Amino acid sequence: MKIKVIAFDADDTLWDNELYFQEVEKKFCELLEDFLPQHTVSRELLQTEIKNISLYGYGIKAFMLSMIETAIRITDKNIKAETIEKIIGFGQELLEKPVLLIDGVEEVLQSLKTKYRLVMATKGDLLDQERKLKKSKLAEYFHHIEIMSEKKEADFEKLIHHLDIQPNELMMIGNSIKSDILPVLNLGGHGIHIPYHVTWIHEKAEIPIHHENFRQVERIKDVLHLL
């Protein structure tokens, strides 16, 4: 491998994230269980989120708007202002969550920083991701920070061009096969998948176990054994 740049996803790769969203989703479903069973509310919310990605992108504010829209729909517009206020409070609760680094993250970044250019390549709301990065105190490890609205091949092509490297000189490390790994593999780069114990269903995809540039490890510390 002629790796020059290693890019890291942020949410659920460097720090915990999806777990918080699922905790809030549970509260949301409980709030509306007088109208529909909790599992049905959850399904309706997912449909709303996927529909709204092209409008709002990803992140807490998009999640909050989708919760409000879902609540209005499934209550047939009979939702009370107090309930909407609670939903907004759920979103604000997410914004105030601490940033907890996944075990081994700083050790890995410290070790790799002297050998490669490190990049943080994540998607989501710009303001929220900047907030989490600041709280994480990890910015010093990265040569470049890219916060994308989406993670598709075209988005990684732009990143590769910006970094002035060839696709096969990039390695992407992340928890999402769909967003972190497949686009980079399709461009000719390398990918290391680190599964997170909770995954948003929209991010699930088939694991490319037979691809020559693909690796999977259990923990981020295991990356050091490959590099």
C-alpha atoms as a PDB file:
ATOM      1  CA  MET A   1       0.000   0.000   0.000  1.00  0.00           C
ATOM      2  CA  LYS A   2       1.232   3.477  -0.901  1.00  0.00           C
ATOM      3  CA  ILE A   3      -0.912   5.305   1.622  1.00  0.00           C
ATOM      4  CA  LYS A   4      -0.198   9.012   2.055  1.00  0.00           C
ATOM      5  CA  VAL A   5      -3.431  10.185   3.689  1.00  0.00           C
ATOM      6  CA  ILE A   6      -5.605   8.469   6.281  1.00  0.00           C
ATOM      7  CA  ALA A   7      -9.092   9.909   6.672  1.00  0.00           C
ATOM      8  CA  PHE A   8     -11.220   9.251   9.745  1.00  0.00           C
ATOM      9  CA  ASP A   9     -14.961   9.462  10.054  1.00  0.00           C
ATOM     10  CA  ALA A  10     -15.999  11.250  13.257  1.00  0.00           C
ATOM     11  CA  ASP A  11     -19.393  10.145  14.598  1.00  0.00           C
ATOM     12  CA  ASP A  12     -19.218   6.606  16.026  1.00  0.00           C
ATOM     13  CA  THR A  13     -15.623   6.247  14.844  1.00  0.00           C
ATOM     14  CA  LEU A  14     -13.844   8.853  16.961  1.00  0.00           C
ATOM     15  CA  TRP A  15     -16.634   9.526  19.454  1.00  0.00           C
ATOM     16  CA  ASP A  16     -20.048   8.169  20.455  1.00  0.00           C
ATOM     17  CA  ASN A  17     -23.036   9.582  18.576  1.00  0.00           C
ATOM     18  CA  GLU A  18     -25.768   7.228  17.305  1.00  0.00           C
ATOM     19  CA  LEU A  19     -26.422   5.896  20.800  1.00  0.00           C
ATOM     20  CA  TYR A  20     -27.607   9.374  21.846  1.00  0.00           C
ATOM     21  CA  PHE A  21     -29.944   9.608  18.854  1.00  0.00           C
ATOM     22  CA  GLN A  22     -31.512   6.253  19.646  1.00  0.00           C
ATOM     23  CA  GLU A  23     -32.056   7.264  23.277  1.00  0.00           C
ATOM     24  CA  VAL A  24     -33.932  10.380  22.126  1.00  0.00           C
ATOM     25  CA  GLU A  25     -35.882   8.426  19.517  1.00  0.00           C
ATOM     26  CA  LYS A  26     -37.109   6.104  22.272  1.00  0.00           C
ATOM     27  CA  LYS A  27     -38.363   9.109  24.259  1.00  0.00           C
ATOM     28  CA  PHE A  28     -40.071  10.453  21.127  1.00  0.00           C
ATOM     29  CA  CYS A  29     -41.841   7.144  20.465  1.00  0.00           C
ATOM     30  CA  GLU A  30     -42.982   6.947  24.084  1.00  0.00           C
ATOM     31  CA  LEU A  31     -44.311  10.501  23.837  1.00  0.00           C
ATOM     32  CA  LEU A  32     -46.584   9.544  20.936  1.00  0.00           C
ATOM     33  CA  GLU A  33     -47.621   6.028  21.912  1.00  0.00           C
ATOM     34  CA  ASP A  34     -51.189   7.213  22.605  1.00  0.00           C
ATOM     35  CA  PHE A  35     -51.521   7.653  18.831  1.00  0.00           C
ATOM     36  CA  LEU A  36     -49.504   4.712  17.469  1.00  0.00           C
ATOM     37  CA  PRO A  37     -47.442   1.815  18.859  1.00  0.00           C
ATOM     38  CA  GLN A  38     -43.834   2.764  19.518  1.00  0.00           C
ATOM     39  CA  HIS A  39     -42.411   0.565  16.745  1.00  0.00           C
ATOM     40  CA  THR A  40     -44.793   2.196  14.250  1.00  0.00           C
ATOM     41  CA  VAL A  41     -43.805   5.691  15.370  1.00  0.00           C
ATOM     42  CA  SER A  42     -40.160   4.684  14.898  1.00  0.00           C
ATOM     43  CA  ARG A  43     -40.867   3.450  11.371  1.00  0.00           C
ATOM     44  CA  GLU A  44     -42.749   6.647  10.497  1.00  0.00           C
ATOM     45  CA  LEU A  45     -39.874   8.756  11.805  1.00  0.00           C
ATOM     46  CA  LEU A  46     -37.333   6.848   9.710  1.00  0.00           C
ATOM     47  CA  GLN A  47     -39.405   7.398   6.574  1.00  0.00           C
ATOM     48  CA  THR A  48     -39.579  11.120   7.335  1.00  0.00           C
ATOM     49  CA  GLU A  49     -35.834  11.336   7.976  1.00  0.00           C
ATOM     50  CA  ILE A  50     -34.958   9.622   4.693  1.00  0.00           C
ATOM     51  CA  LYS A  51     -37.390  11.840   2.778  1.00  0.00           C
ATOM     52  CA  ASN A  52     -35.877  14.953   4.314  1.00  0.00           C
ATOM     53  CA  ILE A  53     -32.188  14.165   3.782  1.00  0.00           C
ATOM     54  CA  SER A  54     -32.153  16.056   0.479  1.00  0.00           C
ATOM     55  CA  LEU A  55     -33.729  19.073   2.226  1.00  0.00           C
ATOM     56  CA  TYR A  56     -32.048  19.168   5.627  1.00  0.00           C
ATOM     57  CA  GLY A  57     -29.045  16.861   5.344  1.00  0.00           C
ATOM     58  CA  TYR A  58     -27.890  15.077   8.492  1.00  0.00           C
ATOM     59  CA  GLY A  59     -27.521  16.042  12.122  1.00  0.00           C
ATOM     60  CA  ILE A  60     -29.475  17.067  15.169  1.00  0.00           C
ATOM     61  CA  LYS A  61     -31.434  19.947  13.648  1.00  0.00           C
ATOM     62  CA  ALA A  62     -32.562  17.756  10.743  1.00  0.00           C
ATOM     63  CA  PHE A  63     -33.545  15.063  13.253  1.00  0.00           C
ATOM     64  CA  MET A  64     -35.536  17.553  15.317  1.00  0.00           C
ATOM     65  CA  LEU A  65     -37.441  18.858  12.288  1.00  0.00           C
ATOM     66  CA  SER A  66     -38.225  15.310  11.199  1.00  0.00           C
ATOM     67  CA  MET A  67     -39.547  14.462  14.671  1.00  0.00           C
ATOM     68  CA  ILE A  68     -41.847  17.487  14.607  1.00  0.00           C
ATOM     69  CA  GLU A  69     -43.091  16.700  11.092  1.00  0.00           C
ATOM     70  CA  THR A  70     -43.722  13.071  12.035  1.00  0.00           C
ATOM     71  CA  ALA A  71     -45.600  14.084  15.180  1.00  0.00           C
ATOM     72  CA  ILE A  72     -47.841  16.469  13.223  1.00  0.00           C
ATOM     73  CA  ARG A  73     -48.611  13.791  10.641  1.00  0.00           C
ATOM     74  CA  ILE A  74     -49.388  10.855  12.913  1.00  0.00           C
ATOM     75  CA  THR A  75     -51.541  12.994  15.225  1.00  0.00           C
ATOM     76  CA  ASP A  76     -53.461  14.338  12.219  1.00  0.00           C
ATOM     77  CA  LYS A  77     -52.368  17.876  13.187  1.00  0.00           C
ATOM     78  CA  ASN A  78     -53.823  17.528  16.667  1.00  0.00           C
ATOM     79  CA  ILE A  79     -50.494  17.763  18.422  1.00  0.00           C
ATOM     80  CA  LYS A  80     -50.352  20.212  21.316  1.00  0.00           C
ATOM     81  CA  ALA A  81     -47.856  23.031  21.555  1.00  0.00           C
ATOM     82  CA  GLU A  82     -46.545  21.505  24.783  1.00  0.00           C
ATOM     83  CA  THR A  83     -45.672  18.326  22.917  1.00  0.00           C
ATOM     84  CA  ILE A  84     -43.799  20.216  20.207  1.00  0.00           C
ATOM     85  CA  GLU A  85     -41.963  22.039  22.980  1.00  0.00           C
ATOM     86  CA  LYS A  86     -40.902  18.676  24.421  1.00  0.00           C
ATOM     87  CA  ILE A  87     -39.638  17.531  21.016  1.00  0.00           C
ATOM     88  CA  ILE A  88     -37.566  20.699  20.657  1.00  0.00           C
ATOM     89  CA  GLY A  89     -36.224  19.966  24.125  1.00  0.00           C
ATOM     90  CA  PHE A  90     -35.161  16.500  22.943  1.00  0.00           C
ATOM     91  CA  GLY A  91     -33.113  18.135  20.195  1.00  0.00           C
ATOM     92  CA  GLN A  92     -31.544  20.623  22.580  1.00  0.00           C
ATOM     93  CA  GLU A  93     -30.709  17.736  24.883  1.00  0.00           C
ATOM     94  CA  LEU A  94     -28.736  16.131  22.047  1.00  0.00           C
ATOM     95  CA  LEU A  95     -26.838  19.366  21.411  1.00  0.00           C
ATOM     96  CA  GLU A  96     -25.715  19.433  25.024  1.00  0.00           C
ATOM     97  CA  LYS A  97     -24.444  15.855  25.148  1.00  0.00           C
ATOM     98  CA  PRO A  98     -20.789  15.437  26.111  1.00  0.00           C
ATOM     99  CA  VAL A  99     -18.300  14.273  23.497  1.00  0.00           C
ATOM    100  CA  LEU A 100     -16.965  10.933  24.690  1.00  0.00           C
ATOM    101  CA  LEU A 101     -14.004   9.596  22.749  1.00  0.00           C
ATOM    102  CA  ILE A 102     -14.017   5.940  21.826  1.00  0.00           C
ATOM    103  CA  ASP A 103     -11.313   3.992  23.637  1.00  0.00           C
ATOM    104  CA  GLY A 104      -7.963   4.101  21.864  1.00  0.00           C
ATOM    105  CA  VAL A 105      -8.671   7.060  19.568  1.00  0.00           C
ATOM    106  CA  GLU A 106      -5.953   9.402  20.838  1.00  0.00           C
ATOM    107  CA  GLU A 107      -3.397   6.605  20.959  1.00  0.00           C
ATOM    108  CA  VAL A 108      -4.062   5.772  17.297  1.00  0.00           C
ATOM    109  CA  LEU A 109      -4.024   9.381  16.116  1.00  0.00           C
ATOM    110  CA  GLN A 110      -0.822  10.122  18.018  1.00  0.00           C
ATOM    111  CA  SER A 111       0.893   7.106  16.491  1.00  0.00           C
ATOM    112  CA  LEU A 112      -0.213   7.692  12.899  1.00  0.00           C
ATOM    113  CA  LYS A 113       0.305  11.460  12.860  1.00  0.00           C
ATOM    114  CA  THR A 114       4.063  11.097  12.414  1.00  0.00           C
ATOM    115  CA  LYS A 115       3.727   8.742   9.430  1.00  0.00           C
ATOM    116  CA  TYR A 116       0.745  10.007   7.436  1.00  0.00           C
ATOM    117  CA  ARG A 117      -1.306  13.100   6.769  1.00  0.00           C
ATOM    118  CA  LEU A 118      -4.450  12.663   8.842  1.00  0.00           C
ATOM    119  CA  VAL A 119      -7.827  14.013   7.773  1.00  0.00           C
ATOM    120  CA  MET A 120     -11.189  14.094   9.499  1.00  0.00           C
ATOM    121  CA  ALA A 121     -13.865  13.454   6.869  1.00  0.00           C
ATOM    122  CA  THR A 122     -17.368  13.480   8.291  1.00  0.00           C
ATOM    123  CA  LYS A 123     -20.856  14.489   7.286  1.00  0.00           C
ATOM    124  CA  GLY A 124     -23.537  16.343   9.178  1.00  0.00           C
ATOM    125  CA  ASP A 125     -24.493  19.806  10.339  1.00  0.00           C
ATOM    126  CA  LEU A 126     -21.505  22.143  10.112  1.00  0.00           C
ATOM    127  CA  LEU A 127     -22.115  23.976  13.392  1.00  0.00           C
ATOM    128  CA  ASP A 128     -22.761  20.784  15.350  1.00  0.00           C
ATOM    129  CA  GLN A 129     -19.734  18.961  13.959  1.00  0.00           C
ATOM    130  CA  GLU A 130     -17.521  21.954  14.695  1.00  0.00           C
ATOM    131  CA  ARG A 131     -18.878  21.989  18.245  1.00  0.00           C
ATOM    132  CA  LYS A 132     -18.109  18.310  18.752  1.00  0.00           C
ATOM    133  CA  LEU A 133     -14.641  18.656  17.249  1.00  0.00           C
ATOM    134  CA  LYS A 134     -13.857  21.523  19.620  1.00  0.00           C
ATOM    135  CA  LYS A 135     -15.098  19.554  22.627  1.00  0.00           C
ATOM    136  CA  SER A 136     -13.131  16.490  21.539  1.00  0.00           C
ATOM    137  CA  LYS A 137      -9.818  18.406  21.508  1.00  0.00           C
ATOM    138  CA  LEU A 138      -8.685  16.302  18.543  1.00  0.00           C
ATOM    139  CA  ALA A 139      -8.248  19.067  15.955  1.00  0.00           C
ATOM    140  CA  GLU A 140      -4.488  19.241  16.520  1.00  0.00           C
ATOM    141  CA  TYR A 141      -4.041  15.771  15.018  1.00  0.00           C
ATOM    142  CA  PHE A 142      -5.547  16.598  11.636  1.00  0.00           C
ATOM    143  CA  HIS A 143      -3.883  18.126   8.597  1.00  0.00           C
ATOM    144  CA  HIS A 144      -7.313  18.884   7.137  1.00  0.00           C
ATOM    145  CA  ILE A 145     -10.926  18.750   8.328  1.00  0.00           C
ATOM    146  CA  GLU A 146     -13.718  18.142   5.817  1.00  0.00           C
ATOM    147  CA  ILE A 147     -17.364  18.390   6.929  1.00  0.00           C
ATOM    148  CA  MET A 148     -19.515  17.172   4.060  1.00  0.00           C
ATOM    149  CA  SER A 149     -23.224  17.427   3.456  1.00  0.00           C
ATOM    150  CA  GLU A 150     -23.064  13.935   1.941  1.00  0.00           C
ATOM    151  CA  LYS A 151     -20.496  11.162   1.527  1.00  0.00           C
ATOM    152  CA  LYS A 152     -20.674   9.845  -2.003  1.00  0.00           C
ATOM    153  CA  GLU A 153     -18.023   9.150  -4.613  1.00  0.00           C
ATOM    154  CA  ALA A 154     -18.181  12.704  -5.964  1.00  0.00           C
ATOM    155  CA  ASP A 155     -17.609  14.103  -2.470  1.00  0.00           C
ATOM    156  CA  PHE A 156     -14.528  11.940  -1.959  1.00  0.00           C
ATOM    157  CA  GLU A 157     -13.269  12.825  -5.435  1.00  0.00           C
ATOM    158  CA  LYS A 158     -13.306  16.489  -4.402  1.00  0.00           C
ATOM    159  CA  LEU A 159     -11.430  15.635  -1.200  1.00  0.00           C
ATOM    160  CA  ILE A 160      -8.810  13.624  -3.109  1.00  0.00           C
ATOM    161  CA  HIS A 161      -8.340  16.494  -5.559  1.00  0.00           C
ATOM    162  CA  HIS A 162      -8.003  18.982  -2.694  1.00  0.00           C
ATOM    163  CA  LEU A 163      -5.376  16.811  -1.014  1.00  0.00           C
ATOM    164  CA  ASP A 164      -3.477  16.464  -4.337  1.00  0.00           C
ATOM    165  CA  ILE A 165      -3.183  12.680  -4.108  1.00  0.00           C
ATOM    166  CA  GLN A 166      -4.196   9.658  -6.146  1.00  0.00           C
ATOM    167  CA  PRO A 167      -7.214   7.603  -5.019  1.00  0.00           C
ATOM    168  CA  ASN A 168      -5.000   4.626  -4.108  1.00  0.00           C
ATOM    169  CA  GLU A 169      -3.051   6.884  -1.735  1.00  0.00           C
ATOM    170  CA  LEU A 170      -6.116   7.423   0.466  1.00  0.00           C
ATOM    171  CA  MET A 171      -7.309   5.169   3.246  1.00  0.00           C
ATOM    172  CA  MET A 172     -10.686   5.840   4.868  1.00  0.00           C
ATOM    173  CA  ILE A 173     -11.483   4.556   8.349  1.00  0.00           C
ATOM    174  CA  GLY A 174     -15.068   4.575   9.587  1.00  0.00           C
ATOM    175  CA  ASN A 175     -18.034   2.734  11.020  1.00  0.00           C
ATOM    176  CA  SER A 176     -20.360   3.035   8.016  1.00  0.00           C
ATOM    177  CA  ILE A 177     -19.899   0.649   5.096  1.00  0.00           C
ATOM    178  CA  LYS A 178     -22.295   2.734   3.007  1.00  0.00           C
ATOM    179  CA  SER A 179     -20.859   6.200   3.626  1.00  0.00           C
ATOM    180  CA  ASP A 180     -17.239   5.662   4.678  1.00  0.00           C
ATOM    181  CA  ILE A 181     -16.036   2.561   2.899  1.00  0.00           C
ATOM    182  CA  LEU A 182     -17.835   1.806  -0.376  1.00  0.00           C
ATOM    183  CA  PRO A 183     -17.376   5.236  -2.034  1.00  0.00           C
ATOM    184  CA  VAL A 184     -13.622   5.167  -1.388  1.00  0.00           C
ATOM    185  CA  LEU A 185     -13.228   1.557  -2.548  1.00  0.00           C
ATOM    186  CA  ASN A 186     -15.137   2.380  -5.734  1.00  0.00           C
ATOM    187  CA  LEU A 187     -12.658   5.150  -6.472  1.00  0.00           C
ATOM    188  CA  GLY A 188      -9.679   2.850  -5.997  1.00  0.00           C
ATOM    189  CA  GLY A 189      -8.824   3.782  -2.427  1.00  0.00           C
ATOM    190  CA  HIS A 190      -8.556   1.698   0.724  1.00  0.00           C
ATOM    191  CA  GLY A 191     -11.041   1.253   3.559  1.00  0.00           C
ATOM    192  CA  ILE A 192     -10.973  -0.039   7.109  1.00  0.00           C
ATOM    193  CA  HIS A 193     -14.348  -0.718   8.683  1.00  0.00           C
ATOM    194  CA  ILE A 194     -14.728  -0.502  12.461  1.00  0.00           C
ATOM    195  CA  PRO A 195     -18.256  -1.617  13.389  1.00  0.00           C
ATOM    196  CA  TYR A 196     -20.029   0.433  16.040  1.00  0.00           C
ATOM    197  CA  HIS A 197     -22.433  -1.425  18.335  1.00  0.00           C
ATOM    198  CA  VAL A 198     -25.358   0.780  17.243  1.00  0.00           C
ATOM    199  CA  THR A 199     -25.930   1.655  13.570  1.00  0.00           C
ATOM    200  CA  TRP A 200     -28.621   3.812  11.987  1.00  0.00           C
ATOM    201  CA  ILE A 201     -30.543   1.540   9.633  1.00  0.00           C
ATOM    202  CA  HIS A 202     -30.108   4.001   6.749  1.00  0.00           C
ATOM    203  CA  GLU A 203     -26.319   3.481   6.934  1.00  0.00           C
ATOM    204  CA  LYS A 204     -26.390  -0.306   6.677  1.00  0.00           C
ATOM    205  CA  ALA A 205     -24.979  -1.985   3.564  1.00  0.00           C
ATOM    206  CA  GLU A 206     -23.467  -5.276   2.505  1.00  0.00           C
ATOM    207  CA  ILE A 207     -19.867  -5.744   3.669  1.00  0.00           C
ATOM    208  CA  PRO A 208     -17.429  -6.034   0.700  1.00  0.00           C
ATOM    209  CA  ILE A 209     -15.456  -8.846   2.339  1.00  0.00           C
ATOM    210  CA  HIS A 210     -13.766  -9.976  -0.897  1.00  0.00           C
ATOM    211  CA  HIS A 211     -12.477  -6.557  -1.986  1.00  0.00           C
ATOM    212  CA  GLU A 212      -8.675  -6.516  -1.970  1.00  0.00           C
ATOM    213  CA  ASN A 213      -8.521  -3.000  -0.493  1.00  0.00           C
ATOM    214  CA  PHE A 214     -10.980  -3.699   2.316  1.00  0.00           C
ATOM    215  CA  ARG A 215     -10.193  -4.583   5.907  1.00  0.00           C
ATOM    216  CA  GLN A 216     -12.355  -4.877   9.015  1.00  0.00           C
ATOM    217  CA  VAL A 217     -11.194  -4.636  12.616  1.00  0.00           C
ATOM    218  CA  GLU A 218     -13.027  -4.861  15.923  1.00  0.00           C
ATOM    219  CA  ARG A 219     -11.515  -1.801  17.617  1.00  0.00           C
ATOM    220  CA  ILE A 220      -9.777   1.337  16.445  1.00  0.00           C
ATOM    221  CA  LYS A 221      -6.597   0.238  18.255  1.00  0.00           C
ATOM    222  CA  ASP A 222      -6.400  -2.713  15.830  1.00  0.00           C
ATOM    223  CA  VAL A 223      -5.735  -0.266  12.987  1.00  0.00           C
ATOM    224  CA  LEU A 224      -2.157   0.059  14.231  1.00  0.00           C
ATOM    225  CA  HIS A 225      -1.537  -3.632  13.525  1.00  0.00           C
ATOM    226  CA  LEU A 226      -2.491  -3.117   9.879  1.00  0.00           C
ATOM    227  CA  LEU A 227      -0.452   0.045   9.360  1.00  0.00           C
END
